[in-house]
Amino acid sequence: APDILNSCTKSINKKKIDLDFLRIEKDAFKFCPD
């Protein structure tokens, strides 16, 4: 499932820390297979 890995890697590369939480980047994550 390389497409899952690619989408998740891109979303983590643009992650942001928000207080005690980690936000992954939604524009990349939305292309991830459900």
Full PDB file with SEQRES, HELIX, SHEET, SSBOND, CRYST1, ORIGX, SCALE, CONECT and MASTER records, all heavy atoms in Angstrom:
SEQRES   1 A   34  ALA PRO ASP ILE LEU ASN SER CYS THR LYS SER ILE ASN          
SEQRES   2 A   34  LYS LYS LYS ILE ASP LEU ASP PHE LEU ARG ILE GLU LYS          
SEQRES   3 A   34  ASP ALA PHE LYS PHE CYS PRO ASP                              
HELIX    1 AA1 PRO A    2  ASN A   13  1                                  12    
HELIX    2 AA2 LYS A   26  PHE A   29  1                                   4    
SHEET    1 AA1 2 LYS A  16  ASP A  18  0                                        
SHEET    2 AA1 2 PHE A  21  ARG A  23 -1                                        
CRYST1    1.000    1.000    1.000  90.00  90.00  90.00 P 1           1          
ORIGX1      1.000000  0.000000  0.000000        0.00000                         
ORIGX2      0.000000  1.000000  0.000000        0.00000                         
ORIGX3      0.000000  0.000000  1.000000        0.00000                         
SCALE1      1.000000  0.000000  0.000000        0.00000                         
SCALE2      0.000000  1.000000  0.000000        0.00000                         
SCALE3      0.000000  0.000000  1.000000        0.00000                         
ATOM      1  N   ALA A   1       0.838  -1.212   0.000  1.00  0.00           N  
ATOM      2  CA  ALA A   1       0.000   0.000   0.000  1.00  0.00           C  
ATOM      3  C   ALA A   1       0.866   1.253   0.000  1.00  0.00           C  
ATOM      4  O   ALA A   1       0.786   2.087   0.919  1.00  0.00           O  
ATOM      5  CB  ALA A   1      -0.941  -0.013   1.208  1.00  0.00           C  
ATOM      6  N   PRO A   2       1.715   1.444  -1.020  1.00  0.00           N  
ATOM      7  CA  PRO A   2       2.623   2.593  -1.032  1.00  0.00           C  
ATOM      8  C   PRO A   2       1.909   3.937  -1.094  1.00  0.00           C  
ATOM      9  O   PRO A   2       2.449   4.953  -0.644  1.00  0.00           O  
ATOM     10  CB  PRO A   2       3.464   2.355  -2.284  1.00  0.00           C  
ATOM     11  CG  PRO A   2       2.642   1.439  -3.141  1.00  0.00           C  
ATOM     12  CD  PRO A   2       1.895   0.575  -2.198  1.00  0.00           C  
ATOM     13  N   ASP A   3       0.689   3.973  -1.673  1.00  0.00           N  
ATOM     14  CA  ASP A   3      -0.046   5.243  -1.734  1.00  0.00           C  
ATOM     15  C   ASP A   3      -0.405   5.746  -0.341  1.00  0.00           C  
ATOM     16  O   ASP A   3      -0.394   6.957  -0.086  1.00  0.00           O  
ATOM     17  CB  ASP A   3      -1.305   5.100  -2.592  1.00  0.00           C  
ATOM     18  CG  ASP A   3      -2.141   3.866  -2.243  1.00  0.00           C  
ATOM     19  OD1 ASP A   3      -1.657   2.996  -1.497  1.00  0.00           O  
ATOM     20  OD2 ASP A   3      -3.279   3.762  -2.747  1.00  0.00           O  
ATOM     21  N   ILE A   4      -0.715   4.817   0.581  1.00  0.00           N  
ATOM     22  CA  ILE A   4      -0.984   5.220   1.967  1.00  0.00           C  
ATOM     23  C   ILE A   4       0.272   5.810   2.589  1.00  0.00           C  
ATOM     24  O   ILE A   4       0.232   6.871   3.230  1.00  0.00           O  
ATOM     25  CB  ILE A   4      -1.485   4.022   2.802  1.00  0.00           C  
ATOM     26  CG1 ILE A   4      -2.832   3.538   2.286  1.00  0.00           C  
ATOM     27  CG2 ILE A   4      -1.578   4.390   4.284  1.00  0.00           C  
ATOM     28  CD1 ILE A   4      -3.341   2.292   2.984  1.00  0.00           C  
ATOM     29  N   LEU A   5       1.387   5.141   2.395  1.00  0.00           N  
ATOM     30  CA  LEU A   5       2.648   5.603   2.957  1.00  0.00           C  
ATOM     31  C   LEU A   5       3.024   6.980   2.411  1.00  0.00           C  
ATOM     32  O   LEU A   5       3.444   7.865   3.172  1.00  0.00           O  
ATOM     33  CB  LEU A   5       3.758   4.599   2.668  1.00  0.00           C  
ATOM     34  CG  LEU A   5       5.136   4.914   3.249  1.00  0.00           C  
ATOM     35  CD1 LEU A   5       5.075   5.020   4.759  1.00  0.00           C  
ATOM     36  CD2 LEU A   5       6.143   3.845   2.826  1.00  0.00           C  
ATOM     37  N   ASN A   6       2.835   7.190   1.123  1.00  0.00           N  
ATOM     38  CA  ASN A   6       3.190   8.472   0.519  1.00  0.00           C  
ATOM     39  C   ASN A   6       2.342   9.615   1.079  1.00  0.00           C  
ATOM     40  O   ASN A   6       2.869  10.675   1.437  1.00  0.00           O  
ATOM     41  CB  ASN A   6       3.022   8.397  -1.003  1.00  0.00           C  
ATOM     42  CG  ASN A   6       4.061   7.502  -1.660  1.00  0.00           C  
ATOM     43  OD1 ASN A   6       5.132   7.274  -1.095  1.00  0.00           O  
ATOM     44  ND2 ASN A   6       3.748   6.985  -2.831  1.00  0.00           N  
ATOM     45  N   SER A   7       1.038   9.413   1.154  1.00  0.00           N  
ATOM     46  CA  SER A   7       0.149  10.462   1.671  1.00  0.00           C  
ATOM     47  C   SER A   7       0.442  10.777   3.132  1.00  0.00           C  
ATOM     48  O   SER A   7       0.495  11.939   3.537  1.00  0.00           O  
ATOM     49  CB  SER A   7      -1.317  10.042   1.521  1.00  0.00           C  
ATOM     50  OG  SER A   7      -1.692   9.991   0.176  1.00  0.00           O  
ATOM     51  N   CYS A   8       0.646   9.733   3.934  1.00  0.00           N  
ATOM     52  CA  CYS A   8       0.898   9.940   5.361  1.00  0.00           C  
ATOM     53  C   CYS A   8       2.249  10.609   5.593  1.00  0.00           C  
ATOM     54  O   CYS A   8       2.386  11.474   6.464  1.00  0.00           O  
ATOM     55  CB  CYS A   8       0.828   8.608   6.103  1.00  0.00           C  
ATOM     56  SG  CYS A   8      -0.852   7.922   6.211  1.00  0.00           S  
ATOM     57  N   THR A   9       3.255  10.229   4.804  1.00  0.00           N  
ATOM     58  CA  THR A   9       4.575  10.854   4.942  1.00  0.00           C  
ATOM     59  C   THR A   9       4.500  12.342   4.629  1.00  0.00           C  
ATOM     60  O   THR A   9       5.062  13.177   5.356  1.00  0.00           O  
ATOM     61  CB  THR A   9       5.588  10.173   4.003  1.00  0.00           C  
ATOM     62  OG1 THR A   9       5.684   8.787   4.351  1.00  0.00           O  
ATOM     63  CG2 THR A   9       6.965  10.815   4.133  1.00  0.00           C  
ATOM     64  N   LYS A  10       3.794  12.704   3.556  1.00  0.00           N  
ATOM     65  CA  LYS A  10       3.643  14.119   3.198  1.00  0.00           C  
ATOM     66  C   LYS A  10       2.891  14.885   4.281  1.00  0.00           C  
ATOM     67  O   LYS A  10       3.241  16.031   4.608  1.00  0.00           O  
ATOM     68  CB  LYS A  10       2.906  14.239   1.866  1.00  0.00           C  
ATOM     69  CG  LYS A  10       3.715  13.794   0.670  1.00  0.00           C  
ATOM     70  CD  LYS A  10       2.884  13.863  -0.606  1.00  0.00           C  
ATOM     71  CE  LYS A  10       3.680  13.362  -1.809  1.00  0.00           C  
ATOM     72  NZ  LYS A  10       2.858  13.370  -3.061  1.00  0.00           N  
ATOM     73  N   SER A  11       1.869  14.270   4.865  1.00  0.00           N  
ATOM     74  CA  SER A  11       1.083  14.972   5.886  1.00  0.00           C  
ATOM     75  C   SER A  11       1.889  15.176   7.163  1.00  0.00           C  
ATOM     76  O   SER A  11       1.718  16.174   7.867  1.00  0.00           O  
ATOM     77  CB  SER A  11      -0.203  14.199   6.197  1.00  0.00           C  
ATOM     78  OG  SER A  11       0.061  12.961   6.819  1.00  0.00           O  
ATOM     79  N   ILE A  12       2.807  14.243   7.464  1.00  0.00           N  
ATOM     80  CA  ILE A  12       3.657  14.380   8.652  1.00  0.00           C  
ATOM     81  C   ILE A  12       4.778  15.389   8.411  1.00  0.00           C  
ATOM     82  O   ILE A  12       5.166  16.132   9.324  1.00  0.00           O  
ATOM     83  CB  ILE A  12       4.222  13.010   9.061  1.00  0.00           C  
ATOM     84  CG1 ILE A  12       3.123  12.164   9.693  1.00  0.00           C  
ATOM     85  CG2 ILE A  12       5.382  13.162  10.054  1.00  0.00           C  
ATOM     86  CD1 ILE A  12       3.558  10.773  10.056  1.00  0.00           C  
ATOM     87  N   ASN A  13       5.274  15.457   7.199  1.00  0.00           N  
ATOM     88  CA  ASN A  13       6.347  16.408   6.899  1.00  0.00           C  
ATOM     89  C   ASN A  13       5.910  17.854   7.131  1.00  0.00           C  
ATOM     90  O   ASN A  13       6.750  18.737   7.350  1.00  0.00           O  
ATOM     91  CB  ASN A  13       6.823  16.234   5.454  1.00  0.00           C  
ATOM     92  CG  ASN A  13       7.637  14.963   5.260  1.00  0.00           C  
ATOM     93  OD1 ASN A  13       8.126  14.381   6.223  1.00  0.00           O  
ATOM     94  ND2 ASN A  13       7.758  14.514   4.017  1.00  0.00           N  
ATOM     95  N   LYS A  14       4.600  18.087   7.080  1.00  0.00           N  
ATOM     96  CA  LYS A  14       4.072  19.441   7.290  1.00  0.00           C  
ATOM     97  C   LYS A  14       3.263  19.533   8.583  1.00  0.00           C  
ATOM     98  O   LYS A  14       2.402  20.396   8.728  1.00  0.00           O  
ATOM     99  CB  LYS A  14       3.208  19.849   6.103  1.00  0.00           C  
ATOM    100  CG  LYS A  14       3.966  19.924   4.784  1.00  0.00           C  
ATOM    101  CD  LYS A  14       3.044  20.328   3.641  1.00  0.00           C  
ATOM    102  CE  LYS A  14       3.788  20.382   2.317  1.00  0.00           C  
ATOM    103  NZ  LYS A  14       2.888  20.779   1.195  1.00  0.00           N  
ATOM    104  N   LYS A  15       3.550  18.658   9.524  1.00  0.00           N  
ATOM    105  CA  LYS A  15       2.809  18.648  10.779  1.00  0.00           C  
ATOM    106  C   LYS A  15       3.082  19.908  11.603  1.00  0.00           C  
ATOM    107  O   LYS A  15       4.093  20.593  11.419  1.00  0.00           O  
ATOM    108  CB  LYS A  15       3.176  17.409  11.606  1.00  0.00           C  
ATOM    109  CG  LYS A  15       4.602  17.396  12.128  1.00  0.00           C  
ATOM    110  CD  LYS A  15       4.888  16.101  12.866  1.00  0.00           C  
ATOM    111  CE  LYS A  15       6.289  16.038  13.458  1.00  0.00           C  
ATOM    112  NZ  LYS A  15       7.340  16.058  12.435  1.00  0.00           N  
ATOM    113  N   LYS A  16       2.161  20.199  12.525  1.00  0.00           N  
ATOM    114  CA  LYS A  16       2.298  21.360  13.402  1.00  0.00           C  
ATOM    115  C   LYS A  16       1.966  20.951  14.835  1.00  0.00           C  
ATOM    116  O   LYS A  16       1.054  20.157  15.071  1.00  0.00           O  
ATOM    117  CB  LYS A  16       1.358  22.483  12.965  1.00  0.00           C  
ATOM    118  CG  LYS A  16       1.702  23.098  11.613  1.00  0.00           C  
ATOM    119  CD  LYS A  16       0.743  24.229  11.269  1.00  0.00           C  
ATOM    120  CE  LYS A  16       1.084  24.838   9.904  1.00  0.00           C  
ATOM    121  NZ  LYS A  16       0.138  25.917   9.537  1.00  0.00           N  
ATOM    122  N   ILE A  17       2.718  21.501  15.769  1.00  0.00           N  
ATOM    123  CA  ILE A  17       2.416  21.300  17.189  1.00  0.00           C  
ATOM    124  C   ILE A  17       1.448  22.387  17.636  1.00  0.00           C  
ATOM    125  O   ILE A  17       1.667  23.574  17.387  1.00  0.00           O  
ATOM    126  CB  ILE A  17       3.697  21.350  18.044  1.00  0.00           C  
ATOM    127  CG1 ILE A  17       4.669  20.253  17.606  1.00  0.00           C  
ATOM    128  CG2 ILE A  17       3.362  21.214  19.525  1.00  0.00           C  
ATOM    129  CD1 ILE A  17       4.144  18.852  17.803  1.00  0.00           C  
ATOM    130  N   ASP A  18       0.365  21.990  18.258  1.00  0.00           N  
ATOM    131  CA  ASP A  18      -0.660  22.915  18.756  1.00  0.00           C  
ATOM    132  C   ASP A  18      -0.922  22.576  20.215  1.00  0.00           C  
ATOM    133  O   ASP A  18      -1.639  21.630  20.521  1.00  0.00           O  
ATOM    134  CB  ASP A  18      -1.927  22.771  17.920  1.00  0.00           C  
ATOM    135  CG  ASP A  18      -3.057  23.684  18.393  1.00  0.00           C  
ATOM    136  OD1 ASP A  18      -2.832  24.485  19.315  1.00  0.00           O  
ATOM    137  OD2 ASP A  18      -4.164  23.595  17.828  1.00  0.00           O  
ATOM    138  N   LEU A  19      -0.307  23.343  21.127  1.00  0.00           N  
ATOM    139  CA  LEU A  19      -0.384  23.048  22.564  1.00  0.00           C  
ATOM    140  C   LEU A  19       0.105  21.620  22.799  1.00  0.00           C  
ATOM    141  O   LEU A  19       1.232  21.291  22.479  1.00  0.00           O  
ATOM    142  CB  LEU A  19      -1.817  23.262  23.066  1.00  0.00           C  
ATOM    143  CG  LEU A  19      -2.359  24.694  22.928  1.00  0.00           C  
ATOM    144  CD1 LEU A  19      -3.815  24.769  23.362  1.00  0.00           C  
ATOM    145  CD2 LEU A  19      -1.517  25.689  23.708  1.00  0.00           C  
ATOM    146  N   ASP A  20      -0.750  20.749  23.342  1.00  0.00           N  
ATOM    147  CA  ASP A  20      -0.354  19.366  23.633  1.00  0.00           C  
ATOM    148  C   ASP A  20      -0.700  18.404  22.499  1.00  0.00           C  
ATOM    149  O   ASP A  20      -0.657  17.185  22.685  1.00  0.00           O  
ATOM    150  CB  ASP A  20      -1.040  18.883  24.917  1.00  0.00           C  
ATOM    151  CG  ASP A  20      -0.562  19.637  26.148  1.00  0.00           C  
ATOM    152  OD1 ASP A  20       0.609  20.048  26.156  1.00  0.00           O  
ATOM    153  OD2 ASP A  20      -1.362  19.824  27.081  1.00  0.00           O  
ATOM    154  N   PHE A  21      -1.016  18.942  21.328  1.00  0.00           N  
ATOM    155  CA  PHE A  21      -1.510  18.110  20.242  1.00  0.00           C  
ATOM    156  C   PHE A  21      -0.608  18.240  19.017  1.00  0.00           C  
ATOM    157  O   PHE A  21       0.090  19.234  18.836  1.00  0.00           O  
ATOM    158  CB  PHE A  21      -2.942  18.509  19.873  1.00  0.00           C  
ATOM    159  CG  PHE A  21      -3.853  18.625  21.059  1.00  0.00           C  
ATOM    160  CD1 PHE A  21      -4.220  19.865  21.553  1.00  0.00           C  
ATOM    161  CD2 PHE A  21      -4.327  17.493  21.703  1.00  0.00           C  
ATOM    162  CE1 PHE A  21      -5.052  19.984  22.658  1.00  0.00           C  
ATOM    163  CE2 PHE A  21      -5.159  17.593  22.799  1.00  0.00           C  
ATOM    164  CZ  PHE A  21      -5.521  18.842  23.286  1.00  0.00           C  
ATOM    165  N   LEU A  22      -0.663  17.216  18.148  1.00  0.00           N  
ATOM    166  CA  LEU A  22       0.064  17.239  16.894  1.00  0.00           C  
ATOM    167  C   LEU A  22      -0.952  17.198  15.760  1.00  0.00           C  
ATOM    168  O   LEU A  22      -1.747  16.263  15.656  1.00  0.00           O  
ATOM    169  CB  LEU A  22       1.016  16.042  16.799  1.00  0.00           C  
ATOM    170  CG  LEU A  22       2.000  16.032  15.628  1.00  0.00           C  
ATOM    171  CD1 LEU A  22       3.263  15.260  16.005  1.00  0.00           C  
ATOM    172  CD2 LEU A  22       1.377  15.397  14.376  1.00  0.00           C  
ATOM    173  N   ARG A  23      -0.916  18.222  14.918  1.00  0.00           N  
ATOM    174  CA  ARG A  23      -1.819  18.312  13.780  1.00  0.00           C  
ATOM    175  C   ARG A  23      -1.082  17.885  12.514  1.00  0.00           C  
ATOM    176  O   ARG A  23      -0.050  18.454  12.186  1.00  0.00           O  
ATOM    177  CB  ARG A  23      -2.337  19.739  13.590  1.00  0.00           C  
ATOM    178  CG  ARG A  23      -3.229  20.246  14.714  1.00  0.00           C  
ATOM    179  CD  ARG A  23      -3.686  21.672  14.422  1.00  0.00           C  
ATOM    180  NE  ARG A  23      -4.545  22.171  15.472  1.00  0.00           N  
ATOM    181  CZ  ARG A  23      -5.867  21.999  15.508  1.00  0.00           C  
ATOM    182  NH1 ARG A  23      -6.463  21.334  14.502  1.00  0.00           N  
ATOM    183  NH2 ARG A  23      -6.587  22.482  16.495  1.00  0.00           N  
ATOM    184  N   ILE A  24      -1.619  16.893  11.816  1.00  0.00           N  
ATOM    185  CA  ILE A  24      -1.046  16.514  10.533  1.00  0.00           C  
ATOM    186  C   ILE A  24      -1.669  17.392   9.445  1.00  0.00           C  
ATOM    187  O   ILE A  24      -2.767  17.931   9.613  1.00  0.00           O  
ATOM    188  CB  ILE A  24      -1.257  15.021  10.237  1.00  0.00           C  
ATOM    189  CG1 ILE A  24      -2.754  14.673  10.194  1.00  0.00           C  
ATOM    190  CG2 ILE A  24      -0.548  14.168  11.272  1.00  0.00           C  
ATOM    191  CD1 ILE A  24      -3.021  13.236   9.826  1.00  0.00           C  
ATOM    192  N   GLU A  25      -0.958  17.535   8.331  1.00  0.00           N  
ATOM    193  CA  GLU A  25      -1.387  18.446   7.273  1.00  0.00           C  
ATOM    194  C   GLU A  25      -2.543  17.833   6.483  1.00  0.00           C  
ATOM    195  O   GLU A  25      -2.431  16.735   5.928  1.00  0.00           O  
ATOM    196  CB  GLU A  25      -0.196  18.733   6.354  1.00  0.00           C  
ATOM    197  CG  GLU A  25      -0.305  20.037   5.595  1.00  0.00           C  
ATOM    198  CD  GLU A  25      -1.085  19.867   4.304  1.00  0.00           C  
ATOM    199  OE1 GLU A  25      -0.975  18.794   3.676  1.00  0.00           O  
ATOM    200  OE2 GLU A  25      -1.810  20.799   3.938  1.00  0.00           O  
ATOM    201  N   LYS A  26      -3.678  18.536   6.451  1.00  0.00           N  
ATOM    202  CA  LYS A  26      -4.907  17.935   5.931  1.00  0.00           C  
ATOM    203  C   LYS A  26      -4.945  17.833   4.412  1.00  0.00           C  
ATOM    204  O   LYS A  26      -5.564  16.914   3.857  1.00  0.00           O  
ATOM    205  CB  LYS A  26      -6.133  18.691   6.433  1.00  0.00           C  
ATOM    206  CG  LYS A  26      -6.256  20.130   5.979  1.00  0.00           C  
ATOM    207  CD  LYS A  26      -7.513  20.750   6.570  1.00  0.00           C  
ATOM    208  CE  LYS A  26      -7.675  22.196   6.112  1.00  0.00           C  
ATOM    209  NZ  LYS A  26      -8.890  22.813   6.701  1.00  0.00           N  
ATOM    210  N   ASP A  27      -4.290  18.754   3.679  1.00  0.00           N  
ATOM    211  CA  ASP A  27      -4.360  18.705   2.214  1.00  0.00           C  
ATOM    212  C   ASP A  27      -3.711  17.448   1.665  1.00  0.00           C  
ATOM    213  O   ASP A  27      -4.172  16.880   0.667  1.00  0.00           O  
ATOM    214  CB  ASP A  27      -3.707  19.949   1.615  1.00  0.00           C  
ATOM    215  CG  ASP A  27      -4.542  21.208   1.843  1.00  0.00           C  
ATOM    216  OD1 ASP A  27      -5.764  21.063   2.029  1.00  0.00           O  
ATOM    217  OD2 ASP A  27      -3.985  22.313   1.856  1.00  0.00           O  
ATOM    218  N   ALA A  28      -2.614  17.005   2.293  1.00  0.00           N  
ATOM    219  CA  ALA A  28      -1.986  15.750   1.873  1.00  0.00           C  
ATOM    220  C   ALA A  28      -2.777  14.546   2.366  1.00  0.00           C  
ATOM    221  O   ALA A  28      -2.951  13.552   1.640  1.00  0.00           O  
ATOM    222  CB  ALA A  28      -0.550  15.692   2.386  1.00  0.00           C  
ATOM    223  N   PHE A  29      -3.291  14.636   3.595  1.00  0.00           N  
ATOM    224  CA  PHE A  29      -3.988  13.499   4.192  1.00  0.00           C  
ATOM    225  C   PHE A  29      -5.304  13.190   3.479  1.00  0.00           C  
ATOM    226  O   PHE A  29      -5.744  12.034   3.451  1.00  0.00           O  
ATOM    227  CB  PHE A  29      -4.237  13.774   5.681  1.00  0.00           C  
ATOM    228  CG  PHE A  29      -4.646  12.561   6.474  1.00  0.00           C  
ATOM    229  CD1 PHE A  29      -3.784  11.493   6.642  1.00  0.00           C  
ATOM    230  CD2 PHE A  29      -5.904  12.488   7.054  1.00  0.00           C  
ATOM    231  CE1 PHE A  29      -4.160  10.364   7.378  1.00  0.00           C  
ATOM    232  CE2 PHE A  29      -6.293  11.376   7.800  1.00  0.00           C  
ATOM    233  CZ  PHE A  29      -5.414  10.317   7.951  1.00  0.00           C  
ATOM    234  N   LYS A  30      -5.932  14.194   2.887  1.00  0.00           N  
ATOM    235  CA  LYS A  30      -7.234  13.950   2.247  1.00  0.00           C  
ATOM    236  C   LYS A  30      -7.127  13.024   1.036  1.00  0.00           C  
ATOM    237  O   LYS A  30      -8.115  12.417   0.617  1.00  0.00           O  
ATOM    238  CB  LYS A  30      -7.889  15.269   1.851  1.00  0.00           C  
ATOM    239  CG  LYS A  30      -7.251  15.992   0.695  1.00  0.00           C  
ATOM    240  CD  LYS A  30      -7.970  17.311   0.427  1.00  0.00           C  
ATOM    241  CE  LYS A  30      -7.312  18.081  -0.720  1.00  0.00           C  
ATOM    242  NZ  LYS A  30      -7.966  19.394  -0.924  1.00  0.00           N  
ATOM    243  N   PHE A  31      -5.916  12.895   0.460  1.00  0.00           N  
ATOM    244  CA  PHE A  31      -5.729  11.990  -0.672  1.00  0.00           C  
ATOM    245  C   PHE A  31      -5.419  10.560  -0.226  1.00  0.00           C  
ATOM    246  O   PHE A  31      -5.260   9.662  -1.058  1.00  0.00           O  
ATOM    247  CB  PHE A  31      -4.609  12.505  -1.583  1.00  0.00           C  
ATOM    248  CG  PHE A  31      -4.947  13.790  -2.274  1.00  0.00           C  
ATOM    249  CD1 PHE A  31      -4.351  14.975  -1.890  1.00  0.00           C  
ATOM    250  CD2 PHE A  31      -5.881  13.812  -3.295  1.00  0.00           C  
ATOM    251  CE1 PHE A  31      -4.673  16.161  -2.523  1.00  0.00           C  
ATOM    252  CE2 PHE A  31      -6.208  14.992  -3.940  1.00  0.00           C  
ATOM    253  CZ  PHE A  31      -5.605  16.179  -3.558  1.00  0.00           C  
ATOM    254  N   CYS A  32      -5.320  10.349   1.074  1.00  0.00           N  
ATOM    255  CA  CYS A  32      -5.003   9.020   1.585  1.00  0.00           C  
ATOM    256  C   CYS A  32      -6.214   8.097   1.421  1.00  0.00           C  
ATOM    257  O   CYS A  32      -7.344   8.489   1.734  1.00  0.00           O  
ATOM    258  CB  CYS A  32      -4.629   9.124   3.061  1.00  0.00           C  
ATOM    259  SG  CYS A  32      -3.748   7.685   3.666  1.00  0.00           S  
ATOM    260  N   PRO A  33      -6.038   6.867   0.931  1.00  0.00           N  
ATOM    261  CA  PRO A  33      -7.170   5.943   0.792  1.00  0.00           C  
ATOM    262  C   PRO A  33      -7.854   5.686   2.132  1.00  0.00           C  
ATOM    263  O   PRO A  33      -7.202   5.610   3.176  1.00  0.00           O  
ATOM    264  CB  PRO A  33      -6.506   4.669   0.259  1.00  0.00           C  
ATOM    265  CG  PRO A  33      -5.248   5.128  -0.387  1.00  0.00           C  
ATOM    266  CD  PRO A  33      -4.776   6.304   0.419  1.00  0.00           C  
ATOM    267  N   ASP A  34      -9.166   5.567   2.083  1.00  0.00           N  
ATOM    268  CA  ASP A  34      -9.972   5.256   3.266  1.00  0.00           C  
ATOM    269  C   ASP A  34     -10.093   3.734   3.332  1.00  0.00           C  
ATOM    270  O   ASP A  34     -10.979   3.141   2.724  1.00  0.00           O  
ATOM    271  CB  ASP A  34     -11.342   5.916   3.119  1.00  0.00           C  
ATOM    272  CG  ASP A  34     -12.213   5.755   4.352  1.00  0.00           C  
ATOM    273  OD1 ASP A  34     -11.843   4.966   5.236  1.00  0.00           O  
ATOM    274  OD2 ASP A  34     -13.254   6.416   4.433  1.00  0.00           O  
TER     275      ASP A  34                                                      
MASTER        0    0    0    2    2    0    0    6  274    1    0    3          
END                                                                             
